[in-house]
N, C-alpha and C. Protein backbone atom coordinates (compact mmCIF):
# COMPACT_ATOMS: atom_id res chain seq x y z
N MET A 1 79.29 -11.74 61.00
CA MET A 1 78.67 -9.30 60.47
C MET A 1 78.66 -9.03 61.45
N GLU A 2 78.92 -7.22 61.54
CA GLU A 2 78.55 -7.05 63.10
C GLU A 2 76.99 -6.10 63.24
N TYR A 3 76.26 -6.85 62.48
CA TYR A 3 74.73 -6.30 62.31
C TYR A 3 73.74 -7.28 62.79
N SER A 4 73.15 -8.17 63.45
CA SER A 4 72.35 -8.80 63.59
C SER A 4 70.88 -8.89 61.98
N ILE A 5 70.68 -9.97 62.20
CA ILE A 5 69.65 -9.97 61.26
C ILE A 5 69.15 -10.83 61.47
N ASN A 6 67.06 -10.36 60.46
CA ASN A 6 65.98 -10.07 61.77
C ASN A 6 65.79 -11.62 61.57
N GLY A 7 65.58 -12.36 61.88
CA GLY A 7 65.80 -13.76 61.89
C GLY A 7 64.32 -14.44 61.83
N GLU A 8 63.55 -13.87 62.61
CA GLU A 8 62.36 -13.58 62.34
C GLU A 8 61.40 -14.30 60.19
N LYS A 9 61.40 -12.71 60.36
CA LYS A 9 61.70 -12.70 58.41
C LYS A 9 62.26 -13.26 58.14
N MET A 10 63.49 -14.34 58.48
CA MET A 10 64.43 -15.29 57.25
C MET A 10 63.77 -16.40 57.66
N GLU A 11 63.62 -16.22 59.01
CA GLU A 11 62.69 -17.84 58.81
C GLU A 11 61.44 -17.54 58.44
N THR A 12 60.50 -16.73 58.47
CA THR A 12 58.95 -16.52 57.20
C THR A 12 59.49 -17.00 55.44
N TYR A 13 60.19 -16.34 55.56
CA TYR A 13 61.11 -16.89 54.16
C TYR A 13 60.77 -17.80 53.72
N CYS A 14 61.49 -18.78 54.76
CA CYS A 14 62.27 -19.81 55.36
C CYS A 14 61.14 -20.83 54.57
N LYS A 15 60.08 -21.02 55.38
CA LYS A 15 59.03 -21.49 55.39
C LYS A 15 57.61 -21.40 53.92
N VAL A 16 57.97 -20.47 53.67
CA VAL A 16 57.05 -20.18 52.65
C VAL A 16 57.83 -20.58 51.24
N GLY A 17 59.09 -21.12 51.52
CA GLY A 17 59.69 -21.28 50.31
C GLY A 17 60.71 -21.01 49.50
N VAL A 18 61.12 -19.99 49.75
CA VAL A 18 62.06 -18.63 49.22
C VAL A 18 62.62 -19.42 49.22
N SER A 19 63.84 -19.22 48.48
CA SER A 19 65.04 -20.28 48.80
C SER A 19 65.91 -19.27 48.70
N GLU A 20 66.16 -17.61 48.41
CA GLU A 20 67.48 -16.60 48.18
C GLU A 20 67.24 -15.72 48.44
N TYR A 21 67.84 -15.46 49.85
CA TYR A 21 67.35 -13.79 51.06
C TYR A 21 68.61 -12.41 50.76
N TRP A 22 68.84 -11.86 50.22
CA TRP A 22 69.80 -11.39 50.30
C TRP A 22 69.48 -9.67 50.89
N ILE A 23 70.61 -9.33 51.99
CA ILE A 23 70.29 -8.75 52.91
C ILE A 23 72.56 -7.76 52.24
N VAL A 24 71.57 -6.05 51.86
CA VAL A 24 71.86 -4.78 50.58
C VAL A 24 72.23 -4.21 51.67
N ASP A 25 73.47 -4.12 52.28
CA ASP A 25 74.63 -2.52 52.97
C ASP A 25 75.13 -1.91 52.33
N TRP A 26 74.52 -0.64 52.03
CA TRP A 26 74.29 0.53 51.44
C TRP A 26 76.05 1.14 51.94
N ARG A 27 76.12 1.02 53.39
CA ARG A 27 76.91 1.95 54.40
C ARG A 27 78.71 1.00 53.71
N LYS A 28 78.05 -0.17 53.12
CA LYS A 28 79.50 -1.26 52.95
C LYS A 28 80.00 -1.69 51.96
N LYS A 29 78.99 -1.18 50.88
CA LYS A 29 78.77 -1.44 49.83
C LYS A 29 78.97 -3.51 50.06
N SER A 30 78.00 -4.00 50.42
CA SER A 30 78.28 -5.69 50.20
C SER A 30 76.73 -5.90 50.08
N VAL A 31 76.80 -6.96 49.40
CA VAL A 31 76.00 -7.99 49.47
C VAL A 31 75.88 -9.04 50.42
N GLU A 32 75.09 -9.77 51.11
CA GLU A 32 75.06 -11.01 51.84
C GLU A 32 74.12 -11.88 50.39
N ILE A 33 74.70 -12.36 50.70
CA ILE A 33 73.68 -13.90 49.65
C ILE A 33 73.04 -14.68 51.28
N TYR A 34 71.95 -15.49 50.81
CA TYR A 34 71.44 -16.40 52.02
C TYR A 34 70.80 -17.63 51.02
N MET A 35 70.95 -18.49 50.89
CA MET A 35 70.35 -19.68 51.10
C MET A 35 69.84 -20.75 52.62
N PHE A 36 68.14 -21.39 51.32
CA PHE A 36 67.94 -22.20 52.55
C PHE A 36 68.20 -22.99 52.48
N ASP A 37 67.85 -24.07 52.68
CA ASP A 37 67.72 -25.38 52.96
C ASP A 37 66.82 -26.52 53.36
N TYR A 38 67.10 -27.35 53.55
CA TYR A 38 65.82 -28.86 54.68
C TYR A 38 66.60 -29.45 55.56
N LYS A 39 67.31 -29.28 56.57
CA LYS A 39 67.78 -30.32 57.18
C LYS A 39 66.51 -31.93 56.49
N ALA A 40 67.87 -33.43 57.57
CA ALA A 40 67.34 -34.55 57.22
C ALA A 40 65.81 -34.41 57.41
N ASP A 41 65.62 -34.10 58.57
CA ASP A 41 64.66 -34.30 58.98
C ASP A 41 63.17 -33.15 58.62
N GLY A 42 63.75 -32.31 57.27
CA GLY A 42 62.91 -31.31 57.10
C GLY A 42 62.34 -30.07 57.48
N THR A 43 63.47 -29.96 58.61
CA THR A 43 63.22 -28.56 59.39
C THR A 43 64.14 -27.83 58.12
N PRO A 44 63.28 -26.69 58.18
CA PRO A 44 63.99 -25.57 57.08
C PRO A 44 65.00 -24.41 58.02
N TYR A 45 66.52 -24.72 56.80
CA TYR A 45 67.18 -24.00 57.74
C TYR A 45 68.13 -22.83 56.40
N SER A 46 68.38 -21.53 57.37
CA SER A 46 69.41 -21.15 56.37
C SER A 46 70.61 -20.36 56.29
N TYR A 47 71.19 -20.68 55.36
CA TYR A 47 72.74 -20.34 55.41
C TYR A 47 73.61 -19.04 54.76
N LEU A 48 75.16 -18.53 55.11
CA LEU A 48 75.46 -17.97 54.07
C LEU A 48 75.82 -18.85 52.94
N PHE A 49 75.25 -18.23 51.63
CA PHE A 49 76.27 -18.78 50.73
C PHE A 49 77.56 -18.12 50.43
N LYS A 50 77.54 -16.69 50.23
CA LYS A 50 78.71 -15.76 49.44
C LYS A 50 78.20 -14.15 49.77
N VAL A 51 79.13 -13.34 50.05
CA VAL A 51 79.13 -11.76 50.14
C VAL A 51 80.23 -11.35 48.90
N VAL A 52 79.30 -10.37 48.28
CA VAL A 52 80.03 -9.83 47.76
C VAL A 52 79.86 -8.01 48.04
N THR A 53 81.77 -7.96 47.29
CA THR A 53 82.00 -6.39 47.89
C THR A 53 82.08 -5.93 46.37
N GLU A 54 83.72 -4.88 45.83
CA GLU A 54 84.14 -4.89 44.67
C GLU A 54 84.92 -5.56 45.05
N LYS A 55 85.51 -6.40 45.66
CA LYS A 55 85.96 -7.34 45.14
C LYS A 55 86.39 -8.10 43.87
N ASN A 56 85.16 -8.64 44.61
CA ASN A 56 84.21 -10.02 43.54
C ASN A 56 83.54 -9.94 43.46
N LYS A 57 82.46 -8.53 43.02
CA LYS A 57 81.50 -8.25 42.39
C LYS A 57 80.78 -8.34 41.39
N ASP A 58 82.02 -8.88 40.59
CA ASP A 58 81.45 -10.76 39.05
C ASP A 58 81.55 -11.03 40.04
N GLU A 59 81.10 -12.11 40.84
CA GLU A 59 80.03 -12.64 41.50
C GLU A 59 78.54 -12.77 41.75
N LEU A 60 78.17 -11.29 41.91
CA LEU A 60 76.44 -10.55 41.94
C LEU A 60 75.59 -11.18 41.30
N GLY A 61 74.63 -11.63 41.71
CA GLY A 61 74.23 -12.87 41.02
C GLY A 61 73.58 -12.95 41.48
N LEU A 62 71.64 -14.04 41.16
CA LEU A 62 70.66 -14.82 41.74
C LEU A 62 71.29 -15.74 41.34
N VAL A 63 71.49 -16.84 42.05
CA VAL A 63 72.11 -18.25 42.89
C VAL A 63 70.89 -18.77 41.38
N MET A 64 69.65 -19.36 41.83
CA MET A 64 68.63 -19.44 41.45
C MET A 64 68.34 -19.01 40.21
N PHE A 65 68.22 -17.77 39.59
CA PHE A 65 68.38 -17.67 37.96
C PHE A 65 69.59 -16.72 38.24
N PRO A 66 70.53 -18.32 37.61
CA PRO A 66 72.05 -17.30 37.32
C PRO A 66 71.87 -16.22 35.27
N ASN A 67 71.09 -16.60 35.02
CA ASN A 67 71.37 -16.11 33.87
C ASN A 67 70.94 -14.21 34.08
N PHE A 68 69.91 -14.44 34.94
CA PHE A 68 69.46 -13.16 35.22
C PHE A 68 70.32 -12.38 35.83
N LYS A 69 71.38 -11.28 35.36
CA LYS A 69 72.72 -10.52 35.37
C LYS A 69 72.39 -9.47 36.11
N ILE A 70 72.67 -9.02 36.96
CA ILE A 70 72.34 -7.64 38.19
C ILE A 70 74.25 -7.13 37.76
N SER A 71 74.06 -5.31 37.99
CA SER A 71 75.28 -5.32 37.82
C SER A 71 75.52 -4.28 39.83
N PHE A 72 76.60 -4.69 40.08
CA PHE A 72 76.88 -4.44 41.48
C PHE A 72 77.14 -2.39 41.21
N ASP A 73 77.74 -2.14 40.41
CA ASP A 73 77.87 -1.15 40.49
C ASP A 73 76.26 0.41 39.93
N ARG A 74 75.78 -1.14 39.68
CA ARG A 74 74.82 -0.50 39.63
C ARG A 74 73.58 -0.67 40.98
N LEU A 75 73.98 -1.06 41.64
CA LEU A 75 73.16 -1.40 42.71
C LEU A 75 73.51 -0.37 43.03
N PHE A 76 75.04 0.31 42.96
CA PHE A 76 75.01 1.13 44.45
C PHE A 76 75.24 2.56 44.34
N ASP A 77 74.81 2.90 42.38
CA ASP A 77 75.22 4.10 42.38
C ASP A 77 73.63 4.45 42.51
N PHE A 78 73.84 5.92 43.66
CA PHE A 78 72.68 6.07 43.65
C PHE A 78 72.86 7.65 43.19
N ALA A 79 73.61 8.13 42.34
CA ALA A 79 73.31 9.51 41.62
C ALA A 79 72.46 9.44 40.37
């Protein structure tokens, strides 16, 4: 990605048990979905799970709550 992620904020979320982290870029109309997991030694880490854009907008949704639906078009509707 072209911009840097606030690693400190993401690290804090991971430490307190947040399992999913979204970065919504309204300029690019994209959503980066990060997931958190643990290494064998118990150290938490984050990884990019998916990037959702206009091309794959039907894939937008909370990973941890798959029955909770979010409309990509509504998310980016500013009018």
